[in-house]
N, C-alpha and C. Protein backbone atom coordinates (compact mmCIF):
# COMPACT_ATOMS: atom_id res chain seq x y z
N MET A 1 17.29 37.69 34.75
CA MET A 1 18.78 37.37 33.85
C MET A 1 18.23 36.21 34.04
N GLU A 2 18.15 34.99 32.27
CA GLU A 2 17.86 34.08 32.86
C GLU A 2 18.73 33.19 31.94
N ILE A 3 19.61 31.81 33.00
CA ILE A 3 20.34 30.78 31.90
C ILE A 3 19.91 29.37 31.36
N ALA A 4 19.70 28.41 30.04
CA ALA A 4 20.00 28.55 30.00
C ALA A 4 20.75 27.38 29.07
N SER A 5 21.09 26.07 29.46
CA SER A 5 22.43 24.68 28.29
C SER A 5 21.84 24.49 27.16
N ILE A 6 21.90 24.97 26.46
CA ILE A 6 21.93 23.95 24.98
C ILE A 6 22.59 22.76 25.20
N LEU A 7 23.70 22.49 26.27
CA LEU A 7 24.06 20.86 25.60
C LEU A 7 23.73 20.12 27.39
N LYS A 8 23.05 20.61 27.91
CA LYS A 8 22.81 20.24 29.09
C LYS A 8 21.80 19.36 29.27
N GLU A 9 21.34 17.62 30.32
CA GLU A 9 19.85 17.44 29.97
C GLU A 9 19.07 17.41 28.52
N VAL A 10 20.15 16.90 27.74
CA VAL A 10 19.28 16.86 25.73
C VAL A 10 18.82 15.52 26.17
N SER A 11 16.83 15.61 25.78
CA SER A 11 16.44 14.38 25.77
C SER A 11 16.38 14.04 23.51
N PHE A 12 16.13 12.88 23.58
CA PHE A 12 16.39 12.73 22.39
C PHE A 12 14.57 11.54 22.62
N LYS A 13 13.94 12.13 21.47
CA LYS A 13 12.42 11.12 21.24
C LYS A 13 13.22 9.79 20.15
N GLU A 14 12.58 8.20 20.35
CA GLU A 14 12.62 7.90 19.15
C GLU A 14 11.63 8.12 17.85
N LYS A 15 10.37 8.73 18.29
CA LYS A 15 10.25 9.13 16.85
C LYS A 15 10.08 10.41 16.13
N GLY A 16 11.31 11.30 16.40
CA GLY A 16 10.86 13.00 15.41
C GLY A 16 11.42 13.33 15.98
N PRO A 17 11.83 14.31 16.09
CA PRO A 17 13.13 15.34 16.54
C PRO A 17 12.92 16.00 18.01
N ALA A 18 13.11 15.96 19.21
CA ALA A 18 12.68 16.33 20.45
C ALA A 18 13.24 18.41 20.63
N ILE A 19 11.47 18.85 20.98
CA ILE A 19 12.12 19.81 20.81
C ILE A 19 11.51 21.26 22.09
N LYS A 20 12.81 21.29 22.27
CA LYS A 20 12.59 21.60 23.79
C LYS A 20 12.97 24.49 23.80
N VAL A 21 11.71 24.61 23.79
CA VAL A 21 12.36 26.34 24.18
C VAL A 21 12.99 26.10 25.68
N LEU A 22 13.93 27.31 24.72
CA LEU A 22 15.10 27.09 26.01
C LEU A 22 14.74 29.28 26.18
N PHE A 23 14.55 29.65 25.83
CA PHE A 23 13.69 31.06 26.08
C PHE A 23 13.29 31.32 25.46
N ASP A 24 12.14 32.57 25.62
CA ASP A 24 11.17 33.15 25.55
C ASP A 24 11.46 34.42 25.79
N THR A 25 12.72 35.18 25.44
CA THR A 25 12.78 35.77 25.38
C THR A 25 12.02 38.44 25.00
N PRO A 26 12.00 39.11 24.83
CA PRO A 26 11.23 39.87 24.82
C PRO A 26 11.29 40.41 23.38
N PHE A 27 12.55 39.68 22.64
CA PHE A 27 13.46 40.02 21.16
C PHE A 27 13.37 38.59 20.51
N THR A 28 13.49 37.42 21.35
CA THR A 28 13.91 36.53 20.29
C THR A 28 12.63 35.55 20.97
N LYS A 29 12.87 33.76 20.46
CA LYS A 29 12.91 33.04 20.90
C LYS A 29 13.93 32.29 20.56
N GLU A 30 14.75 31.38 21.62
CA GLU A 30 15.20 29.98 21.63
C GLU A 30 14.94 29.06 22.07
N ILE A 31 15.74 27.68 20.55
CA ILE A 31 15.13 26.66 20.87
C ILE A 31 15.81 25.18 20.65
N ARG A 32 16.01 24.61 20.96
CA ARG A 32 16.37 23.19 21.13
C ARG A 32 16.58 22.22 20.27
N ILE A 33 16.65 21.33 19.13
CA ILE A 33 16.16 20.47 18.09
C ILE A 33 16.97 19.66 18.76
N ALA A 34 16.46 18.77 19.30
CA ALA A 34 17.96 17.40 19.17
C ALA A 34 17.48 16.19 18.58
N MET A 35 18.33 15.92 17.47
CA MET A 35 18.08 15.03 15.78
C MET A 35 18.95 13.56 16.89
N ARG A 36 17.98 12.28 17.25
CA ARG A 36 18.58 11.25 16.51
C ARG A 36 19.04 10.75 15.03
N LYS A 37 20.51 10.26 14.63
CA LYS A 37 20.39 9.60 13.47
C LYS A 37 19.97 9.15 12.44
N GLY A 38 19.17 9.52 10.77
CA GLY A 38 18.09 9.61 10.72
C GLY A 38 16.16 10.18 10.72
N GLN A 39 16.77 10.77 12.39
CA GLN A 39 15.70 11.75 11.46
C GLN A 39 15.40 13.15 10.92
N LEU A 40 14.02 13.40 10.41
CA LEU A 40 13.94 13.94 8.96
C LEU A 40 13.26 15.63 9.97
N MET A 41 13.15 16.18 9.87
CA MET A 41 12.29 17.59 9.60
C MET A 41 11.44 17.28 9.17
N LYS A 42 10.74 17.37 8.19
CA LYS A 42 10.22 17.31 7.02
C LYS A 42 10.01 18.29 6.04
N GLU A 43 10.17 19.15 5.09
CA GLU A 43 9.96 20.38 4.25
C GLU A 43 8.95 21.21 5.12
N HIS A 44 8.79 22.35 5.54
CA HIS A 44 9.04 23.52 6.26
C HIS A 44 8.75 25.25 6.21
N GLN A 45 7.74 25.77 5.76
CA GLN A 45 9.04 26.84 6.09
C GLN A 45 7.90 28.01 7.02
N THR A 46 8.75 29.05 7.45
CA THR A 46 8.19 30.00 8.62
C THR A 46 7.54 31.63 7.60
N PRO A 47 7.63 31.76 8.18
CA PRO A 47 7.08 33.33 7.66
C PRO A 47 7.40 34.63 8.18
N PHE A 48 8.94 34.41 9.07
CA PHE A 48 10.02 34.86 9.72
C PHE A 48 11.18 34.30 8.87
N PRO A 49 11.91 35.73 9.40
CA PRO A 49 13.42 34.73 9.27
C PRO A 49 13.66 34.45 10.31
N ILE A 50 14.53 33.60 10.44
CA ILE A 50 15.09 32.42 11.35
C ILE A 50 16.77 32.77 11.02
N VAL A 51 17.55 31.77 12.80
CA VAL A 51 18.88 31.49 11.92
C VAL A 51 19.07 30.40 13.19
N ILE A 52 19.60 29.62 12.22
CA ILE A 52 20.15 28.29 12.12
C ILE A 52 21.32 27.60 13.16
N GLN A 53 21.57 27.38 14.09
CA GLN A 53 23.39 26.70 14.74
C GLN A 53 22.95 25.56 15.20
N LEU A 54 24.32 24.91 13.67
CA LEU A 54 24.65 23.16 14.11
C LEU A 54 25.47 23.20 15.22
N VAL A 55 24.93 22.63 16.41
CA VAL A 55 25.74 22.66 18.38
C VAL A 55 26.71 21.98 18.02
N GLU A 56 25.75 20.28 18.08
CA GLU A 56 26.33 19.03 17.68
C GLU A 56 25.68 17.96 16.42
N GLY A 57 26.84 17.38 16.53
CA GLY A 57 26.41 16.77 14.69
C GLY A 57 26.69 16.76 14.01
N ALA A 58 25.90 16.43 12.40
CA ALA A 58 26.17 16.70 11.17
C ALA A 58 24.41 15.88 10.70
N ILE A 59 24.04 16.90 9.72
CA ILE A 59 22.37 16.96 9.50
C ILE A 59 23.23 18.01 7.67
N ASP A 60 22.01 17.73 7.23
CA ASP A 60 22.07 17.96 5.89
C ASP A 60 20.63 19.09 6.18
N PHE A 61 20.65 20.36 5.04
CA PHE A 61 19.39 21.19 5.27
C PHE A 61 19.30 21.38 3.82
N THR A 62 17.83 20.83 3.75
CA THR A 62 17.49 21.30 1.98
C THR A 62 16.24 22.20 2.31
N VAL A 63 17.16 23.46 1.18
CA VAL A 63 16.85 24.46 1.25
C VAL A 63 16.77 24.92 -0.55
N SER A 64 14.72 25.15 -0.40
CA SER A 64 14.71 25.01 -1.98
C SER A 64 15.34 24.41 -3.09
N GLY A 65 15.68 22.85 -2.60
CA GLY A 65 16.05 21.48 -3.17
C GLY A 65 17.42 21.35 -3.48
N LYS A 66 17.70 22.03 -2.74
CA LYS A 66 19.71 22.37 -2.10
C LYS A 66 19.59 22.23 -1.23
N VAL A 67 20.60 21.24 -1.04
CA VAL A 67 21.18 20.40 -0.25
C VAL A 67 22.97 21.32 0.56
N LEU A 68 22.60 21.48 2.22
CA LEU A 68 23.53 22.19 2.24
C LEU A 68 24.26 20.76 4.19
N ASN A 69 25.38 20.54 3.26
CA ASN A 69 26.38 19.35 4.80
C ASN A 69 26.48 20.95 5.86
N LEU A 70 25.44 20.46 6.17
CA LEU A 70 26.22 21.05 7.85
C LEU A 70 26.97 20.30 9.33
N GLU A 71 27.96 20.97 9.31
CA GLU A 71 28.55 20.48 10.08
C GLU A 71 28.67 21.62 11.87
N LYS A 72 29.58 21.07 12.74
CA LYS A 72 29.62 21.82 14.56
C LYS A 72 29.84 22.88 13.94
N GLY A 73 29.63 24.01 14.70
CA GLY A 73 29.67 25.39 14.32
C GLY A 73 28.89 25.81 13.42
N ASP A 74 28.42 25.19 12.01
CA ASP A 74 27.78 26.03 10.79
C ASP A 74 26.47 26.34 11.32
N LEU A 75 26.42 28.03 10.89
CA LEU A 75 25.15 29.06 11.02
C LEU A 75 24.71 29.45 9.54
N ILE A 76 23.19 29.05 9.84
CA ILE A 76 22.63 29.86 8.01
C ILE A 76 21.11 30.24 9.14
N VAL A 77 20.96 31.62 8.20
CA VAL A 77 19.86 32.77 8.18
C VAL A 77 19.37 32.29 6.92
N LEU A 78 17.63 32.74 7.27
CA LEU A 78 17.37 32.14 6.40
C LEU A 78 15.89 32.84 6.26
N GLU A 79 15.36 33.54 5.71
CA GLU A 79 14.82 34.59 4.89
C GLU A 79 13.47 33.79 5.34
N GLY A 80 12.58 33.81 5.50
CA GLY A 80 10.92 34.10 5.96
C GLY A 80 10.05 33.07 4.93
N ALA A 81 9.20 32.37 4.43
CA ALA A 81 8.70 31.70 3.25
C ALA A 81 9.80 31.36 2.47
N ILE A 82 10.43 30.39 2.28
CA ILE A 82 11.28 29.57 2.06
C ILE A 82 11.50 28.48 2.65
N PRO A 83 11.08 27.28 1.09
CA PRO A 83 11.36 25.68 2.35
C PRO A 83 12.65 25.42 2.38
N HIS A 84 12.44 24.50 3.70
CA HIS A 84 13.80 23.73 4.11
C HIS A 84 12.99 22.86 4.72
N SER A 85 14.32 21.62 4.73
CA SER A 85 14.12 21.06 5.78
C SER A 85 15.67 20.18 6.63
N LEU A 86 15.12 19.25 7.80
CA LEU A 86 17.02 18.98 8.02
C LEU A 86 16.80 17.36 8.25
N ILE A 87 17.36 16.69 8.29
CA ILE A 87 17.89 14.90 8.25
C ILE A 87 19.16 14.61 9.04
N ALA A 88 19.43 14.54 10.25
CA ALA A 88 20.77 13.95 10.74
C ALA A 88 21.55 12.91 10.21
N HIS A 89 22.71 13.12 10.49
CA HIS A 89 23.29 11.92 9.50
C HIS A 89 24.54 11.62 11.28
N GLU A 90 24.43 11.76 12.04
CA GLU A 90 24.14 11.17 12.81
C GLU A 90 23.53 11.94 14.35
N GLU A 91 23.69 11.92 15.71
CA GLU A 91 22.79 12.52 17.04
C GLU A 91 23.46 13.47 16.28
N SER A 92 22.38 14.68 16.84
CA SER A 92 22.21 16.35 16.60
C SER A 92 21.77 17.30 17.42
N ILE A 93 22.43 17.86 17.69
CA ILE A 93 21.74 19.23 18.08
C ILE A 93 21.83 20.80 17.33
N VAL A 94 20.24 21.11 17.43
CA VAL A 94 20.53 22.40 16.91
C VAL A 94 20.22 23.85 17.34
N ARG A 95 20.60 24.90 16.86
CA ARG A 95 19.77 25.59 17.93
C ARG A 95 19.54 26.67 17.31
N LEU A 96 17.67 27.19 17.11
CA LEU A 96 16.81 27.62 16.46
C LEU A 96 16.47 28.60 17.16
N THR A 97 16.66 30.30 15.75
CA THR A 97 16.18 31.19 16.97
C THR A 97 15.13 32.01 16.18
N LEU A 98 13.55 32.29 16.02
CA LEU A 98 12.82 33.00 16.43
C LEU A 98 12.41 34.25 16.71
N THR A 99 11.73 34.85 14.80
CA THR A 99 11.92 36.41 15.89
C THR A 99 10.12 36.13 17.08
N LYS A 100 10.56 37.28 17.64
CA LYS A 100 9.40 37.63 18.56
C LYS A 100 7.73 36.32 18.11
N ALA A 101 7.97 37.07 17.04
CA ALA A 101 6.82 37.45 15.90
C ALA A 101 6.27 35.96 16.68
N ASP A 102 7.20 35.14 16.18
CA ASP A 102 6.40 33.64 15.26
C ASP A 102 6.18 33.20 16.45
N GLN A 103 6.23 32.16 16.45
CA GLN A 103 5.36 31.09 17.53
C GLN A 103 6.18 29.84 17.80
N ALA A 104 6.64 29.41 19.14
CA ALA A 104 7.49 27.92 19.15
C ALA A 104 6.43 26.74 18.65
N SER A 105 4.77 26.40 19.09
CA SER A 105 4.09 25.90 18.83
C SER A 105 4.15 25.23 16.88
N ARG A 106 4.54 26.42 16.11
CA ARG A 106 4.91 26.01 14.95
C ARG A 106 5.46 25.08 15.03
N VAL A 107 7.41 25.19 15.52
CA VAL A 107 7.91 24.25 14.74
C VAL A 107 7.71 22.15 15.40
N LYS A 108 7.28 22.78 17.02
CA LYS A 108 6.13 21.47 17.94
C LYS A 108 5.41 20.97 16.20
N GLN A 109 4.34 21.86 15.74
CA GLN A 109 3.59 21.14 14.91
C GLN A 109 4.16 20.27 13.52
N VAL A 110 6.11 21.21 13.33
CA VAL A 110 6.33 20.42 11.75
C VAL A 110 6.59 18.61 12.11
N VAL A 111 8.00 19.14 13.49
CA VAL A 111 7.75 17.52 13.59
C VAL A 111 6.30 16.56 13.94
N GLU A 112 5.11 16.84 14.54
CA GLU A 112 3.86 16.26 15.12
C GLU A 112 3.55 15.23 13.46
N ASN A 113 3.84 16.46 12.41
CA ASN A 113 2.92 16.23 11.61
C ASN A 113 3.82 15.28 10.58
């Protein structure tokens, strides 16, 4: 058994979202993305399906050019190979669930490039 908190010990970066792997289980990877107001995750896509949950804050989640205004508690399931981006309208915490076949390092590369 493992225990983690998505809300405790959250650190925000000055430049770009902060990525933290909370769990790497036999079936998924659970990642916390902490974004300051105005921070952007530029358009990108994943080869695998993902689940996004907005735990705190407010973000615009753009999918294939359509802007969705996400609020605390909203969830999105997205198939692979679909372009999407995020911009935070206030300090926000996002939970990202990846399939086991996906790599957390890919998410880190999105915010670093």
